[in-house]
N, C-alpha and C. Protein backbone atom coordinates (compact mmCIF):
# COMPACT_ATOMS: atom_id res chain seq x y z
N MET A 1 -98.77 20.58 -9.40
CA MET A 1 -98.94 21.57 -10.45
C MET A 1 -97.57 21.88 -11.07
N GLN A 2 -97.51 21.87 -12.39
CA GLN A 2 -96.25 22.12 -13.09
C GLN A 2 -96.05 23.63 -13.27
N PRO A 3 -94.79 24.07 -13.27
CA PRO A 3 -94.55 25.50 -13.48
C PRO A 3 -94.92 25.93 -14.91
N ILE A 4 -95.32 27.17 -15.03
CA ILE A 4 -95.73 27.70 -16.33
C ILE A 4 -94.51 28.01 -17.20
N VAL A 5 -93.45 28.47 -16.57
CA VAL A 5 -92.25 28.85 -17.31
C VAL A 5 -91.38 27.62 -17.52
N GLU A 6 -90.96 27.41 -18.76
CA GLU A 6 -90.12 26.26 -19.05
C GLU A 6 -88.68 26.56 -18.65
N ASP A 7 -87.91 25.51 -18.39
CA ASP A 7 -86.50 25.67 -18.06
C ASP A 7 -85.73 26.21 -19.24
N ASP A 8 -84.76 27.06 -18.95
CA ASP A 8 -83.91 27.60 -20.02
C ASP A 8 -82.95 26.52 -20.51
N ASN A 9 -82.73 26.52 -21.78
CA ASN A 9 -81.76 25.63 -22.40
C ASN A 9 -80.58 26.50 -22.81
N ILE A 10 -79.80 26.91 -21.83
CA ILE A 10 -78.72 27.87 -22.09
C ILE A 10 -77.50 27.13 -22.62
N ARG A 11 -77.10 27.55 -23.80
CA ARG A 11 -75.90 27.01 -24.44
C ARG A 11 -75.08 28.18 -24.94
N PRO A 12 -73.78 28.03 -25.07
CA PRO A 12 -72.98 29.12 -25.62
C PRO A 12 -73.36 29.35 -27.09
N PRO A 13 -73.16 30.58 -27.57
CA PRO A 13 -73.51 30.86 -28.97
C PRO A 13 -72.62 30.05 -29.92
N PRO A 14 -73.14 29.73 -31.09
CA PRO A 14 -72.34 28.95 -32.04
C PRO A 14 -71.19 29.79 -32.59
N HIS A 15 -70.09 29.13 -32.87
CA HIS A 15 -68.94 29.82 -33.43
C HIS A 15 -69.16 30.06 -34.92
N TYR A 16 -68.65 31.17 -35.41
CA TYR A 16 -68.79 31.49 -36.82
C TYR A 16 -67.64 30.87 -37.60
N ARG A 17 -67.99 30.12 -38.60
CA ARG A 17 -66.99 29.55 -39.51
C ARG A 17 -67.44 29.88 -40.92
N PRO A 18 -66.59 30.58 -41.68
CA PRO A 18 -67.02 31.00 -43.03
C PRO A 18 -67.50 29.86 -43.93
N ASN A 19 -66.88 28.70 -43.83
CA ASN A 19 -67.26 27.59 -44.70
C ASN A 19 -68.05 26.52 -43.95
N GLY A 20 -68.49 26.82 -42.76
CA GLY A 20 -69.19 25.84 -41.94
C GLY A 20 -70.70 25.96 -42.10
N PRO A 21 -71.42 25.23 -41.26
CA PRO A 21 -72.88 25.30 -41.31
C PRO A 21 -73.38 26.67 -40.85
N PRO A 22 -74.58 27.06 -41.25
CA PRO A 22 -75.10 28.36 -40.83
C PRO A 22 -75.33 28.41 -39.32
N GLN A 23 -75.21 29.60 -38.75
CA GLN A 23 -75.43 29.76 -37.33
C GLN A 23 -76.92 29.73 -37.04
N VAL A 24 -77.30 29.01 -36.02
CA VAL A 24 -78.68 28.97 -35.55
C VAL A 24 -78.67 29.47 -34.12
N VAL A 25 -79.27 30.64 -33.90
CA VAL A 25 -79.30 31.23 -32.57
C VAL A 25 -80.70 31.03 -32.00
N THR A 26 -80.78 30.30 -30.90
CA THR A 26 -82.07 30.06 -30.28
C THR A 26 -82.45 31.23 -29.39
N ALA A 27 -83.67 31.26 -28.92
CA ALA A 27 -84.14 32.35 -28.07
C ALA A 27 -83.38 32.37 -26.75
N ASP A 28 -83.01 31.21 -26.23
CA ASP A 28 -82.26 31.16 -24.97
C ASP A 28 -80.87 31.74 -25.14
N THR A 29 -80.24 31.49 -26.27
CA THR A 29 -78.91 32.02 -26.51
C THR A 29 -78.97 33.51 -26.80
N ALA A 30 -79.97 33.96 -27.52
CA ALA A 30 -80.04 35.35 -27.96
C ALA A 30 -80.29 36.31 -26.81
N ARG A 31 -80.95 35.91 -25.75
CA ARG A 31 -81.29 36.84 -24.70
C ARG A 31 -80.25 36.90 -23.58
N GLN A 32 -79.14 36.21 -23.74
CA GLN A 32 -78.10 36.27 -22.73
C GLN A 32 -77.32 37.56 -22.86
N GLY A 33 -76.99 38.14 -21.74
CA GLY A 33 -76.19 39.35 -21.72
C GLY A 33 -74.90 39.10 -20.96
N PRO A 34 -74.08 40.12 -20.85
CA PRO A 34 -72.83 39.95 -20.12
C PRO A 34 -73.09 39.66 -18.65
N LYS A 35 -72.26 38.84 -18.06
CA LYS A 35 -72.42 38.49 -16.65
C LYS A 35 -71.65 39.47 -15.79
N GLY A 36 -72.05 39.59 -14.55
CA GLY A 36 -71.33 40.42 -13.60
C GLY A 36 -71.96 41.78 -13.43
N ASN A 37 -71.30 42.60 -12.65
CA ASN A 37 -71.81 43.93 -12.33
C ASN A 37 -71.19 45.02 -13.20
N ARG A 38 -70.43 44.64 -14.20
CA ARG A 38 -69.76 45.63 -15.05
C ARG A 38 -70.74 46.62 -15.68
N VAL A 39 -71.84 46.13 -16.19
CA VAL A 39 -72.81 46.99 -16.85
C VAL A 39 -73.44 47.95 -15.85
N LEU A 40 -73.77 47.46 -14.66
CA LEU A 40 -74.35 48.32 -13.63
C LEU A 40 -73.36 49.39 -13.18
N ILE A 41 -72.10 49.03 -13.01
CA ILE A 41 -71.09 50.01 -12.60
C ILE A 41 -70.93 51.10 -13.65
N ILE A 42 -70.90 50.73 -14.92
CA ILE A 42 -70.76 51.71 -15.99
C ILE A 42 -71.98 52.62 -16.04
N LEU A 43 -73.17 52.06 -15.85
CA LEU A 43 -74.39 52.86 -15.86
C LEU A 43 -74.39 53.87 -14.71
N VAL A 44 -74.06 53.42 -13.52
CA VAL A 44 -74.04 54.32 -12.35
C VAL A 44 -72.97 55.39 -12.53
N ALA A 45 -71.78 55.02 -12.97
CA ALA A 45 -70.71 56.00 -13.17
C ALA A 45 -71.08 57.04 -14.22
N SER A 46 -71.72 56.62 -15.29
CA SER A 46 -72.10 57.58 -16.33
C SER A 46 -73.21 58.52 -15.85
N MET A 47 -74.12 58.02 -15.01
CA MET A 47 -75.17 58.89 -14.46
C MET A 47 -74.57 59.91 -13.50
N ILE A 48 -73.60 59.50 -12.69
CA ILE A 48 -72.93 60.44 -11.78
C ILE A 48 -72.17 61.48 -12.58
N ALA A 49 -71.46 61.06 -13.61
CA ALA A 49 -70.70 62.00 -14.45
C ALA A 49 -71.64 62.98 -15.15
N ALA A 50 -72.77 62.51 -15.63
CA ALA A 50 -73.73 63.40 -16.28
C ALA A 50 -74.30 64.40 -15.28
N GLY A 51 -74.59 63.95 -14.05
CA GLY A 51 -75.09 64.86 -13.03
C GLY A 51 -74.07 65.91 -12.65
N LEU A 52 -72.81 65.52 -12.54
CA LEU A 52 -71.75 66.49 -12.23
C LEU A 52 -71.57 67.49 -13.37
N ALA A 53 -71.61 67.01 -14.59
CA ALA A 53 -71.47 67.91 -15.74
C ALA A 53 -72.63 68.89 -15.79
N TRP A 54 -73.83 68.42 -15.52
CA TRP A 54 -74.99 69.32 -15.51
C TRP A 54 -74.86 70.36 -14.42
N ALA A 55 -74.41 69.95 -13.22
CA ALA A 55 -74.26 70.89 -12.10
C ALA A 55 -73.21 71.94 -12.42
N ILE A 56 -72.10 71.53 -13.03
CA ILE A 56 -71.05 72.49 -13.37
C ILE A 56 -71.53 73.47 -14.43
N LEU A 57 -72.23 72.96 -15.45
CA LEU A 57 -72.72 73.84 -16.51
C LEU A 57 -73.85 74.76 -16.00
N ALA A 58 -74.62 74.29 -15.04
CA ALA A 58 -75.71 75.11 -14.49
C ALA A 58 -75.14 76.24 -13.64
N MET A 59 -74.01 76.02 -13.00
CA MET A 59 -73.40 77.05 -12.16
C MET A 59 -72.50 77.99 -12.95
N ALA A 60 -72.13 77.65 -14.16
CA ALA A 60 -71.18 78.45 -14.94
C ALA A 60 -71.64 79.91 -15.13
N PRO A 61 -72.89 80.21 -15.43
CA PRO A 61 -73.27 81.62 -15.60
C PRO A 61 -73.18 82.42 -14.29
N HIS A 62 -73.21 81.75 -13.15
CA HIS A 62 -73.19 82.44 -11.86
C HIS A 62 -71.79 82.68 -11.35
N LEU A 63 -70.76 82.17 -12.03
CA LEU A 63 -69.39 82.34 -11.56
C LEU A 63 -68.79 83.65 -12.01
């Protein structure tokens, strides 16, 4: 039985050249995001910072 999902044809995005051929972005190229845990670290850090800011502002009237 063959798999239902086709293999990705991942290629780097085409370079922009003002006088060159038009850019053609395929679905495989368009859905790529940044690699690594950088995005997750930023998301977690911002959620912690928002929680701390909320806690400080919630306690401010009681000080």
